[in-house]
Amino acid sequence: MIFDDFQSAYKNTYVVKKSFWWIVAVVGHIIVATYIQVLWEDVNKNKKELMNGAVESIHTLCGAAGAYAVGHLDYDWKKFGDIIFTVGTFVLALLLFVIYYCDSLWILYLLYIMFGTCYQILLTITTSEVAKHIKPDSYGLIFGFNFFMALLIISIFTLLFIQGLVVVIGTKNQILTVALMFASKSALLFVVAVRKWKK
């Protein structure tokens, strides 16, 4: 039964496309969320009082508000979602590129809140779209598998580039790596959107 549900879900190319976005986005978000506080510490050269807890709270609240708002939109995501995801993923990449180059703590706080809000909105759309196109009995299986794949990729990334099995990359370079990952994904989505539009 599990195999049938798994096969039924991943035979659908739309579910595969959304699951791919979901897995890569979760990987990126977890890496950024894990190492952003280290970056804030590094940038805080004047030893000002950090507002990390408040920023994390605002980040969560804005993300929740954005996810709630997008949940009430009546929109055909299957028809027009590719271009929105292309732009949204590009915005995520752009925010991370600015975070990489920024040295102002308050601007970093603001950019992180914007990144988290955009991520939560796009993730909400993705999970709801996947849920619409799979059997109700297989929600736990498919959602769990997608999250498992994200954690597996993060574990491999940590082993190779943070623990230093291949090379050790610093906090800023981790942010840059995620930015490049989102930029590549945005370019891929753009190609898919153009091909779909031509058809």
N, C-alpha and C. Protein backbone atom coordinates (compact mmCIF):
# COMPACT_ATOMS: atom_id res chain seq x y z
N MET A 1 0.83 -1.20 0.00
CA MET A 1 0.00 0.00 0.00
C MET A 1 0.87 1.27 0.00
N ILE A 2 1.94 1.23 0.83
CA ILE A 2 2.87 2.36 0.90
C ILE A 2 3.53 2.58 -0.46
N PHE A 3 3.98 1.47 -1.08
CA PHE A 3 4.63 1.57 -2.38
C PHE A 3 3.67 2.13 -3.43
N ASP A 4 2.41 1.66 -3.40
CA ASP A 4 1.40 2.16 -4.36
C ASP A 4 1.15 3.65 -4.18
N ASP A 5 1.04 4.09 -2.93
CA ASP A 5 0.81 5.52 -2.64
C ASP A 5 2.01 6.35 -3.10
N PHE A 6 3.21 5.83 -2.84
CA PHE A 6 4.44 6.51 -3.21
C PHE A 6 4.52 6.64 -4.73
N GLN A 7 4.26 5.54 -5.41
CA GLN A 7 4.32 5.52 -6.87
C GLN A 7 3.25 6.43 -7.48
N SER A 8 2.05 6.39 -6.91
CA SER A 8 0.95 7.22 -7.40
C SER A 8 1.27 8.70 -7.28
N ALA A 9 1.90 9.11 -6.17
CA ALA A 9 2.23 10.52 -5.96
C ALA A 9 3.34 10.96 -6.91
N TYR A 10 4.42 10.20 -6.98
CA TYR A 10 5.60 10.65 -7.73
C TYR A 10 5.54 10.31 -9.22
N LYS A 11 4.46 9.68 -9.67
CA LYS A 11 4.24 9.55 -11.12
C LYS A 11 3.74 10.88 -11.68
N ASN A 12 3.16 11.68 -10.83
CA ASN A 12 2.64 12.99 -11.22
C ASN A 12 3.80 13.98 -11.30
N THR A 13 4.10 14.47 -12.51
CA THR A 13 5.25 15.38 -12.68
C THR A 13 5.06 16.68 -11.89
N TYR A 14 3.83 17.12 -11.73
CA TYR A 14 3.58 18.35 -10.97
C TYR A 14 3.98 18.15 -9.51
N VAL A 15 3.65 16.99 -8.94
CA VAL A 15 4.02 16.68 -7.55
C VAL A 15 5.54 16.59 -7.44
N VAL A 16 6.19 15.98 -8.43
CA VAL A 16 7.66 15.87 -8.41
C VAL A 16 8.29 17.26 -8.45
N LYS A 17 7.77 18.13 -9.31
CA LYS A 17 8.30 19.50 -9.45
C LYS A 17 8.15 20.27 -8.14
N LYS A 18 6.97 20.19 -7.54
CA LYS A 18 6.74 20.91 -6.29
C LYS A 18 7.54 20.30 -5.14
N SER A 19 7.67 18.98 -5.15
CA SER A 19 8.46 18.31 -4.10
C SER A 19 9.93 18.70 -4.21
N PHE A 20 10.43 18.81 -5.44
CA PHE A 20 11.82 19.24 -5.65
C PHE A 20 12.03 20.64 -5.08
N TRP A 21 11.08 21.56 -5.38
CA TRP A 21 11.18 22.91 -4.84
C TRP A 21 11.17 22.88 -3.32
N TRP A 22 10.25 22.09 -2.78
CA TRP A 22 10.06 21.96 -1.34
C TRP A 22 11.35 21.49 -0.67
N ILE A 23 11.95 20.42 -1.19
CA ILE A 23 13.15 19.84 -0.59
C ILE A 23 14.30 20.85 -0.60
N VAL A 24 14.54 21.48 -1.75
CA VAL A 24 15.65 22.44 -1.87
C VAL A 24 15.40 23.65 -0.98
N ALA A 25 14.16 24.13 -0.93
CA ALA A 25 13.83 25.30 -0.11
C ALA A 25 14.03 25.00 1.38
N VAL A 26 13.61 23.83 1.82
CA VAL A 26 13.78 23.47 3.24
C VAL A 26 15.26 23.37 3.58
N VAL A 27 16.05 22.77 2.68
CA VAL A 27 17.50 22.70 2.89
C VAL A 27 18.07 24.11 3.06
N GLY A 28 17.74 25.00 2.13
CA GLY A 28 18.24 26.37 2.19
C GLY A 28 17.82 27.10 3.44
N HIS A 29 16.56 26.96 3.80
CA HIS A 29 16.04 27.67 4.97
C HIS A 29 16.69 27.18 6.26
N ILE A 30 16.85 25.88 6.39
CA ILE A 30 17.45 25.34 7.62
C ILE A 30 18.91 25.78 7.75
N ILE A 31 19.64 25.77 6.64
CA ILE A 31 21.04 26.22 6.69
C ILE A 31 21.11 27.70 7.10
N VAL A 32 20.26 28.53 6.47
CA VAL A 32 20.26 29.96 6.81
C VAL A 32 19.84 30.18 8.25
N ALA A 33 18.76 29.52 8.68
CA ALA A 33 18.26 29.71 10.05
C ALA A 33 19.28 29.24 11.09
N THR A 34 20.04 28.21 10.75
CA THR A 34 21.03 27.66 11.69
C THR A 34 22.23 28.60 11.86
N TYR A 35 22.67 29.21 10.77
CA TYR A 35 23.93 29.97 10.82
C TYR A 35 23.76 31.48 10.80
N ILE A 36 22.52 31.98 10.72
CA ILE A 36 22.32 33.43 10.66
C ILE A 36 22.76 34.11 11.96
N GLN A 37 22.53 33.43 13.10
CA GLN A 37 22.91 34.05 14.38
C GLN A 37 24.42 34.17 14.51
N VAL A 38 25.15 33.21 13.95
CA VAL A 38 26.61 33.30 13.94
C VAL A 38 27.05 34.50 13.10
N LEU A 39 26.36 34.70 11.98
CA LEU A 39 26.65 35.86 11.11
C LEU A 39 26.37 37.16 11.84
N TRP A 40 25.25 37.22 12.57
CA TRP A 40 24.93 38.43 13.35
C TRP A 40 26.03 38.72 14.37
N GLU A 41 26.52 37.68 15.02
CA GLU A 41 27.61 37.85 15.99
C GLU A 41 28.87 38.40 15.30
N ASP A 42 29.18 37.86 14.14
CA ASP A 42 30.37 38.30 13.40
C ASP A 42 30.26 39.76 12.96
N VAL A 43 29.05 40.17 12.56
CA VAL A 43 28.83 41.54 12.06
C VAL A 43 28.80 42.54 13.21
N ASN A 44 28.42 42.10 14.39
CA ASN A 44 28.26 42.98 15.55
C ASN A 44 29.62 43.36 16.15
N LYS A 45 30.37 44.15 15.37
CA LYS A 45 31.73 44.53 15.80
C LYS A 45 31.72 45.53 16.95
N ASN A 46 30.68 46.38 17.01
CA ASN A 46 30.60 47.39 18.07
C ASN A 46 30.06 46.83 19.37
N LYS A 47 29.76 45.52 19.35
CA LYS A 47 29.23 44.83 20.54
C LYS A 47 27.96 45.48 21.07
N LYS A 48 27.09 45.87 20.14
CA LYS A 48 25.77 46.38 20.54
C LYS A 48 24.96 45.22 21.09
N GLU A 49 23.90 45.57 21.81
CA GLU A 49 23.03 44.51 22.33
C GLU A 49 22.28 43.87 21.16
N LEU A 50 22.40 42.57 21.04
CA LEU A 50 21.74 41.86 19.95
C LEU A 50 20.26 41.70 20.23
N MET A 51 19.47 41.73 19.16
CA MET A 51 18.01 41.57 19.26
C MET A 51 17.58 40.27 18.58
N ASN A 52 18.42 39.25 18.65
CA ASN A 52 18.18 38.01 17.92
C ASN A 52 16.83 37.36 18.24
N GLY A 53 16.51 37.29 19.52
CA GLY A 53 15.25 36.67 19.93
C GLY A 53 14.04 37.40 19.37
N ALA A 54 14.07 38.73 19.44
CA ALA A 54 12.97 39.54 18.90
C ALA A 54 12.86 39.37 17.40
N VAL A 55 14.01 39.34 16.72
CA VAL A 55 14.00 39.19 15.26
C VAL A 55 13.45 37.82 14.88
N GLU A 56 13.86 36.76 15.60
CA GLU A 56 13.33 35.42 15.32
C GLU A 56 11.82 35.37 15.53
N SER A 57 11.34 36.07 16.57
CA SER A 57 9.90 36.12 16.83
C SER A 57 9.15 36.83 15.71
N ILE A 58 9.67 37.99 15.29
CA ILE A 58 9.04 38.76 14.21
C ILE A 58 9.08 37.95 12.91
N HIS A 59 10.21 37.29 12.67
CA HIS A 59 10.38 36.42 11.50
C HIS A 59 9.28 35.36 11.46
N THR A 60 9.04 34.71 12.60
CA THR A 60 8.02 33.66 12.70
C THR A 60 6.61 34.24 12.51
N LEU A 61 6.34 35.37 13.16
CA LEU A 61 5.01 35.99 13.07
C LEU A 61 4.71 36.47 11.65
N CYS A 62 5.69 37.10 11.01
CA CYS A 62 5.49 37.57 9.63
C CYS A 62 5.29 36.39 8.67
N GLY A 63 6.06 35.33 8.89
CA GLY A 63 5.91 34.13 8.08
C GLY A 63 4.52 33.52 8.24
N ALA A 64 4.06 33.47 9.49
CA ALA A 64 2.73 32.91 9.77
C ALA A 64 1.63 33.78 9.15
N ALA A 65 1.78 35.11 9.27
CA ALA A 65 0.80 36.02 8.69
C ALA A 65 0.76 35.89 7.17
N GLY A 66 1.95 35.80 6.55
CA GLY A 66 2.03 35.63 5.09
C GLY A 66 1.41 34.32 4.64
N ALA A 67 1.71 33.24 5.38
CA ALA A 67 1.14 31.92 5.05
C ALA A 67 -0.37 31.93 5.21
N TYR A 68 -0.87 32.60 6.26
CA TYR A 68 -2.31 32.68 6.48
C TYR A 68 -2.98 33.47 5.36
N ALA A 69 -2.37 34.57 4.98
CA ALA A 69 -2.94 35.43 3.93
C ALA A 69 -2.99 34.69 2.59
N VAL A 70 -1.90 34.00 2.24
CA VAL A 70 -1.87 33.32 0.94
C VAL A 70 -2.83 32.12 0.93
N GLY A 71 -3.12 31.58 2.11
CA GLY A 71 -4.07 30.47 2.21
C GLY A 71 -5.49 30.88 1.82
N HIS A 72 -5.76 32.18 1.87
CA HIS A 72 -7.10 32.67 1.53
C HIS A 72 -7.21 33.17 0.09
N LEU A 73 -6.11 33.07 -0.67
CA LEU A 73 -6.15 33.48 -2.07
C LEU A 73 -6.80 32.38 -2.91
N ASP A 74 -7.67 32.77 -3.79
CA ASP A 74 -8.27 31.82 -4.73
C ASP A 74 -7.54 32.00 -6.06
N TYR A 75 -6.53 31.15 -6.28
CA TYR A 75 -5.64 31.35 -7.42
C TYR A 75 -5.31 30.00 -8.04
N ASP A 76 -5.20 29.97 -9.35
CA ASP A 76 -4.86 28.73 -10.05
C ASP A 76 -3.33 28.60 -10.10
N TRP A 77 -2.75 28.02 -9.04
CA TRP A 77 -1.30 27.91 -8.93
C TRP A 77 -0.72 26.97 -9.97
N LYS A 78 -1.51 25.99 -10.39
CA LYS A 78 -1.00 25.04 -11.38
C LYS A 78 -0.80 25.72 -12.73
N LYS A 79 -1.70 26.63 -13.05
CA LYS A 79 -1.64 27.30 -14.35
C LYS A 79 -0.60 28.42 -14.37
N PHE A 80 -0.56 29.25 -13.32
CA PHE A 80 0.32 30.42 -13.33
C PHE A 80 1.42 30.37 -12.26
N GLY A 81 1.50 29.26 -11.54
CA GLY A 81 2.43 29.18 -10.42
C GLY A 81 3.90 29.20 -10.80
N ASP A 82 4.23 28.68 -12.00
CA ASP A 82 5.65 28.58 -12.38
C ASP A 82 6.33 29.94 -12.38
N ILE A 83 5.67 30.94 -12.95
CA ILE A 83 6.29 32.27 -13.03
C ILE A 83 6.38 32.90 -11.64
N ILE A 84 5.36 32.67 -10.79
CA ILE A 84 5.38 33.22 -9.43
C ILE A 84 6.50 32.56 -8.62
N PHE A 85 6.67 31.26 -8.81
CA PHE A 85 7.75 30.56 -8.10
C PHE A 85 9.12 30.96 -8.63
N THR A 86 9.20 31.25 -9.92
CA THR A 86 10.46 31.74 -10.50
C THR A 86 10.85 33.06 -9.84
N VAL A 87 9.89 33.98 -9.78
CA VAL A 87 10.15 35.30 -9.18
C VAL A 87 10.41 35.16 -7.68
N GLY A 88 9.57 34.36 -6.99
CA GLY A 88 9.72 34.18 -5.55
C GLY A 88 11.06 33.57 -5.17
N THR A 89 11.50 32.58 -5.94
CA THR A 89 12.78 31.94 -5.67
C THR A 89 13.93 32.89 -5.98
N PHE A 90 13.76 33.70 -7.01
CA PHE A 90 14.77 34.71 -7.33
C PHE A 90 14.87 35.75 -6.20
N VAL A 91 13.73 36.14 -5.63
CA VAL A 91 13.72 37.09 -4.51
C VAL A 91 14.47 36.48 -3.31
N LEU A 92 14.23 35.19 -3.03
CA LEU A 92 14.95 34.52 -1.94
C LEU A 92 16.46 34.58 -2.19
N ALA A 93 16.87 34.28 -3.43
CA ALA A 93 18.30 34.32 -3.79
C ALA A 93 18.85 35.73 -3.62
N LEU A 94 18.10 36.72 -4.10
CA LEU A 94 18.53 38.12 -4.04
C LEU A 94 18.71 38.57 -2.59
N LEU A 95 17.75 38.23 -1.74
CA LEU A 95 17.85 38.60 -0.32
C LEU A 95 19.10 37.99 0.32
N LEU A 96 19.40 36.74 -0.04
CA LEU A 96 20.59 36.09 0.52
C LEU A 96 21.89 36.70 -0.02
N PHE A 97 21.89 37.11 -1.30
CA PHE A 97 23.06 37.78 -1.86
C PHE A 97 23.31 39.10 -1.11
N VAL A 98 22.24 39.83 -0.83
CA VAL A 98 22.38 41.10 -0.09
C VAL A 98 22.87 40.81 1.34
N ILE A 99 22.32 39.75 1.97
CA ILE A 99 22.78 39.36 3.31
C ILE A 99 24.28 39.06 3.29
N TYR A 100 24.72 38.38 2.24
CA TYR A 100 26.14 38.01 2.11
C TYR A 100 27.04 39.26 2.09
N TYR A 101 26.60 40.29 1.38
CA TYR A 101 27.43 41.49 1.22
C TYR A 101 27.20 42.55 2.29
N CYS A 102 26.15 42.39 3.11
CA CYS A 102 25.77 43.44 4.06
C CYS A 102 26.60 43.37 5.35
N ASP A 103 26.91 44.55 5.91
CA ASP A 103 27.64 44.62 7.18
C ASP A 103 26.87 45.37 8.25
N SER A 104 25.62 45.73 7.97
CA SER A 104 24.80 46.44 8.95
C SER A 104 23.87 45.44 9.64
N LEU A 105 23.98 45.39 10.97
CA LEU A 105 23.20 44.42 11.74
C LEU A 105 21.70 44.62 11.56
N TRP A 106 21.23 45.88 11.57
CA TRP A 106 19.79 46.15 11.47
C TRP A 106 19.26 45.80 10.08
N ILE A 107 20.06 46.04 9.06
CA ILE A 107 19.63 45.65 7.71
C ILE A 107 19.61 44.13 7.59
N LEU A 108 20.58 43.45 8.21
CA LEU A 108 20.58 41.98 8.22
C LEU A 108 19.33 41.44 8.91
N TYR A 109 18.95 42.07 10.01
CA TYR A 109 17.72 41.66 10.70
C TYR A 109 16.51 41.78 9.77
N LEU A 110 16.40 42.92 9.11
CA LEU A 110 15.27 43.18 8.21
C LEU A 110 15.25 42.18 7.04
N LEU A 111 16.42 41.95 6.46
CA LEU A 111 16.52 41.02 5.33
C LEU A 111 16.14 39.60 5.73
N TYR A 112 16.54 39.20 6.94
CA TYR A 112 16.21 37.85 7.43
C TYR A 112 14.70 37.70 7.63
N ILE A 113 14.05 38.74 8.14
CA ILE A 113 12.59 38.71 8.31
C ILE A 113 11.91 38.60 6.95
N MET A 114 12.40 39.37 5.98
CA MET A 114 11.83 39.32 4.62
C MET A 114 12.06 37.94 3.99
N PHE A 115 13.25 37.39 4.17
CA PHE A 115 13.56 36.05 3.65
C PHE A 115 12.61 35.01 4.24
N GLY A 116 12.44 35.04 5.56
CA GLY A 116 11.57 34.07 6.23
C GLY A 116 10.12 34.19 5.80
N THR A 117 9.65 35.41 5.62
CA THR A 117 8.26 35.63 5.21
C THR A 117 8.03 35.09 3.80
N CYS A 118 8.93 35.42 2.89
CA CYS A 118 8.82 34.95 1.50
C CYS A 118 8.89 33.42 1.45
N TYR A 119 9.81 32.84 2.21
CA TYR A 119 9.95 31.38 2.26
C TYR A 119 8.66 30.72 2.75
N GLN A 120 8.09 31.24 3.84
CA GLN A 120 6.88 30.63 4.41
C GLN A 120 5.70 30.72 3.45
N ILE A 121 5.59 31.83 2.74
CA ILE A 121 4.50 31.99 1.76
C ILE A 121 4.64 30.95 0.65
N LEU A 122 5.84 30.85 0.08
CA LEU A 122 6.05 29.89 -1.01
C LEU A 122 5.92 28.45 -0.54
N LEU A 123 6.39 28.16 0.68
CA LEU A 123 6.27 26.80 1.21
C LEU A 123 4.82 26.42 1.45
N THR A 124 4.02 27.37 1.92
CA THR A 124 2.59 27.11 2.13
C THR A 124 1.91 26.76 0.82
N ILE A 125 2.20 27.53 -0.22
CA ILE A 125 1.63 27.24 -1.54
C ILE A 125 2.06 25.86 -2.01
N THR A 126 3.35 25.55 -1.85
CA THR A 126 3.89 24.27 -2.30
C THR A 126 3.23 23.09 -1.60
N THR A 127 3.15 23.15 -0.27
CA THR A 127 2.58 22.03 0.47
C THR A 127 1.10 21.85 0.14
N SER A 128 0.38 22.95 -0.03
CA SER A 128 -1.04 22.83 -0.37
C SER A 128 -1.23 22.28 -1.78
N GLU A 129 -0.35 22.66 -2.70
CA GLU A 129 -0.43 22.14 -4.07
C GLU A 129 -0.10 20.64 -4.13
N VAL A 130 0.90 20.23 -3.36
CA VAL A 130 1.22 18.80 -3.30
C VAL A 130 0.04 18.04 -2.70
N ALA A 131 -0.52 18.58 -1.62
CA ALA A 131 -1.66 17.92 -0.96
C ALA A 131 -2.86 17.76 -1.90
N LYS A 132 -3.08 18.74 -2.78
CA LYS A 132 -4.21 18.67 -3.72
C LYS A 132 -4.06 17.55 -4.74
N HIS A 133 -2.81 17.15 -5.03
CA HIS A 133 -2.56 16.22 -6.12
C HIS A 133 -2.08 14.84 -5.68
N ILE A 134 -2.24 14.53 -4.39
CA ILE A 134 -1.93 13.19 -3.92
C ILE A 134 -3.14 12.65 -3.15
N LYS A 135 -3.12 11.33 -2.91
CA LYS A 135 -4.22 10.72 -2.14
C LYS A 135 -4.18 11.22 -0.70
N PRO A 136 -5.34 11.49 -0.12
CA PRO A 136 -5.36 11.96 1.28
C PRO A 136 -4.67 11.00 2.24
N ASP A 137 -4.75 9.69 1.96
CA ASP A 137 -4.11 8.70 2.84
C ASP A 137 -2.58 8.79 2.81
N SER A 138 -2.03 9.45 1.80
CA SER A 138 -0.57 9.45 1.67
C SER A 138 0.09 10.78 2.06
N TYR A 139 -0.65 11.68 2.70
CA TYR A 139 -0.06 12.96 3.13
C TYR A 139 1.19 12.74 3.99
N GLY A 140 1.03 11.94 5.03
CA GLY A 140 2.15 11.69 5.95
C GLY A 140 3.35 11.09 5.24
N LEU A 141 3.08 10.15 4.34
CA LEU A 141 4.16 9.48 3.60
C LEU A 141 4.92 10.46 2.72
N ILE A 142 4.22 11.23 1.90
CA ILE A 142 4.87 12.12 0.94
C ILE A 142 5.51 13.31 1.65
N PHE A 143 4.78 13.93 2.59
CA PHE A 143 5.35 15.05 3.33
C PHE A 143 6.59 14.59 4.11
N GLY A 144 6.48 13.43 4.74
CA GLY A 144 7.60 12.88 5.52
C GLY A 144 8.79 12.55 4.64
N PHE A 145 8.54 11.99 3.46
CA PHE A 145 9.63 11.65 2.55
C PHE A 145 10.34 12.92 2.07
N ASN A 146 9.57 13.94 1.71
CA ASN A 146 10.18 15.20 1.27
C ASN A 146 11.06 15.80 2.37
N PHE A 147 10.56 15.78 3.60
CA PHE A 147 11.33 16.34 4.70
C PHE A 147 12.56 15.48 4.99
N PHE A 148 12.39 14.16 4.90
CA PHE A 148 13.53 13.25 5.09
C PHE A 148 14.63 13.54 4.06
N MET A 149 14.25 13.74 2.80
CA MET A 149 15.22 14.03 1.75
C MET A 149 15.96 15.35 2.04
N ALA A 150 15.22 16.34 2.53
CA ALA A 150 15.84 17.63 2.89
C ALA A 150 16.87 17.43 4.00
N LEU A 151 16.51 16.66 5.02
CA LEU A 151 17.43 16.42 6.14
C LEU A 151 18.64 15.59 5.71
N LEU A 152 18.43 14.66 4.79
CA LEU A 152 19.54 13.87 4.26
C LEU A 152 20.55 14.76 3.52
N ILE A 153 20.02 15.67 2.70
CA ILE A 153 20.89 16.60 1.96
C ILE A 153 21.65 17.52 2.92
N ILE A 154 20.95 18.01 3.94
CA ILE A 154 21.61 18.87 4.94
C ILE A 154 22.72 18.10 5.67
N SER A 155 22.45 16.84 6.00
CA SER A 155 23.45 16.01 6.68
C SER A 155 24.69 15.84 5.81
N ILE A 156 24.48 15.57 4.53
CA ILE A 156 25.60 15.41 3.59
C ILE A 156 26.36 16.73 3.45
N PHE A 157 25.62 17.83 3.32
CA PHE A 157 26.24 19.16 3.22
C PHE A 157 27.09 19.46 4.46
N THR A 158 26.53 19.16 5.64
CA THR A 158 27.24 19.40 6.90
C THR A 158 28.52 18.57 6.95
N LEU A 159 28.42 17.31 6.59
CA LEU A 159 29.58 16.42 6.61
C LEU A 159 30.68 16.91 5.66
N LEU A 160 30.27 17.32 4.46
CA LEU A 160 31.25 17.70 3.43
C LEU A 160 31.84 19.09 3.64
N PHE A 161 30.97 20.06 4.00
CA PHE A 161 31.42 21.46 3.96
C PHE A 161 31.47 22.17 5.31
N ILE A 162 30.87 21.59 6.34
CA ILE A 162 30.93 22.24 7.65
C ILE A 162 31.86 21.45 8.57
N GLN A 163 31.71 20.12 8.57
CA GLN A 163 32.66 19.28 9.31
C GLN A 163 34.00 19.21 8.58
N GLY A 164 33.99 19.49 7.28
CA GLY A 164 35.23 19.63 6.53
C GLY A 164 35.76 18.38 5.89
N LEU A 165 34.90 17.43 5.55
CA LEU A 165 35.36 16.22 4.86
C LEU A 165 35.97 16.57 3.50
N VAL A 166 35.40 17.58 2.81
CA VAL A 166 35.94 18.06 1.54
C VAL A 166 36.67 19.38 1.77
N VAL A 167 35.93 20.37 2.27
CA VAL A 167 36.51 21.68 2.57
C VAL A 167 35.60 22.37 3.59
N VAL A 168 36.18 23.19 4.45
CA VAL A 168 35.38 23.93 5.44
C VAL A 168 35.05 25.29 4.84
N ILE A 169 33.75 25.61 4.80
CA ILE A 169 33.36 26.94 4.32
C ILE A 169 32.80 27.73 5.50
N GLY A 170 33.12 29.01 5.54
CA GLY A 170 32.69 29.87 6.65
C GLY A 170 31.21 30.20 6.59
N THR A 171 30.75 30.89 7.61
CA THR A 171 29.33 31.24 7.74
C THR A 171 28.84 32.03 6.54
N LYS A 172 29.59 33.07 6.16
CA LYS A 172 29.17 33.90 5.03
C LYS A 172 29.11 33.08 3.74
N ASN A 173 30.06 32.20 3.56
CA ASN A 173 30.08 31.38 2.35
C ASN A 173 28.95 30.36 2.32
N GLN A 174 28.48 29.95 3.50
CA GLN A 174 27.31 29.08 3.54
C GLN A 174 26.08 29.83 3.03
N ILE A 175 25.96 31.09 3.45
CA ILE A 175 24.85 31.93 2.97
C ILE A 175 24.96 32.11 1.46
N LEU A 176 26.17 32.34 0.97
CA LEU A 176 26.40 32.50 -0.47
C LEU A 176 26.04 31.22 -1.23
N THR A 177 26.40 30.06 -0.66
CA THR A 177 26.08 28.77 -1.28
C THR A 177 24.57 28.59 -1.43
N VAL A 178 23.83 28.93 -0.38
CA VAL A 178 22.36 28.83 -0.43
C VAL A 178 21.80 29.83 -1.44
N ALA A 179 22.37 31.03 -1.49
CA ALA A 179 21.93 32.04 -2.46
C ALA A 179 22.12 31.52 -3.89
N LEU A 180 23.28 30.92 -4.16
CA LEU A 180 23.55 30.36 -5.49
C LEU A 180 22.60 29.20 -5.80
N MET A 181 22.28 28.41 -4.77
CA MET A 181 21.34 27.29 -4.94
C MET A 181 19.96 27.82 -5.33
N PHE A 182 19.48 28.85 -4.64
CA PHE A 182 18.18 29.45 -4.97
C PHE A 182 18.21 30.11 -6.35
N ALA A 183 19.31 30.77 -6.69
CA ALA A 183 19.43 31.41 -8.01
C ALA A 183 19.38 30.37 -9.12
N SER A 184 20.08 29.24 -8.93
CA SER A 184 20.06 28.16 -9.92
C SER A 184 18.66 27.59 -10.06
N LYS A 185 17.99 27.42 -8.92
CA LYS A 185 16.63 26.88 -8.95
C LYS A 185 15.69 27.85 -9.66
N SER A 186 15.88 29.15 -9.44
CA SER A 186 15.06 30.15 -10.11
C SER A 186 15.26 30.10 -11.62
N ALA A 187 16.51 29.95 -12.06
CA ALA A 187 16.82 29.85 -13.49
C ALA A 187 16.16 28.62 -14.10
N LEU A 188 16.21 27.51 -13.37
CA LEU A 188 15.59 26.26 -13.83
C LEU A 188 14.07 26.43 -13.95
N LEU A 189 13.47 27.07 -12.95
CA LEU A 189 12.03 27.32 -12.98
C LEU A 189 11.64 28.24 -14.13
N PHE A 190 12.52 29.20 -14.42
CA PHE A 190 12.27 30.12 -15.54
C PHE A 190 12.23 29.37 -16.86
N VAL A 191 13.17 28.44 -17.04
CA VAL A 191 13.21 27.62 -18.26
C VAL A 191 11.93 26.80 -18.37
N VAL A 192 11.51 26.19 -17.26
CA VAL A 192 10.27 25.39 -17.25
C VAL A 192 9.07 26.26 -17.59
N ALA A 193 9.01 27.48 -17.00
CA ALA A 193 7.88 28.39 -17.26
C ALA A 193 7.83 28.81 -18.72
N VAL A 194 9.00 29.10 -19.32
CA VAL A 194 9.05 29.51 -20.73
C VAL A 194 8.60 28.35 -21.63
N ARG A 195 9.08 27.15 -21.34
CA ARG A 195 8.68 25.99 -22.15
C ARG A 195 7.17 25.74 -22.05
N LYS A 196 6.64 25.89 -20.84
CA LYS A 196 5.20 25.70 -20.63
C LYS A 196 4.42 26.78 -21.39
N TRP A 197 4.90 28.02 -21.36
CA TRP A 197 4.23 29.13 -22.03
C TRP A 197 4.25 28.92 -23.54
N LYS A 198 5.37 28.42 -24.09
CA LYS A 198 5.48 28.16 -25.53
C LYS A 198 4.49 27.09 -25.98
N LYS A 199 4.32 26.06 -25.12
CA LYS A 199 3.35 25.01 -25.45
C LYS A 199 1.93 25.54 -25.51
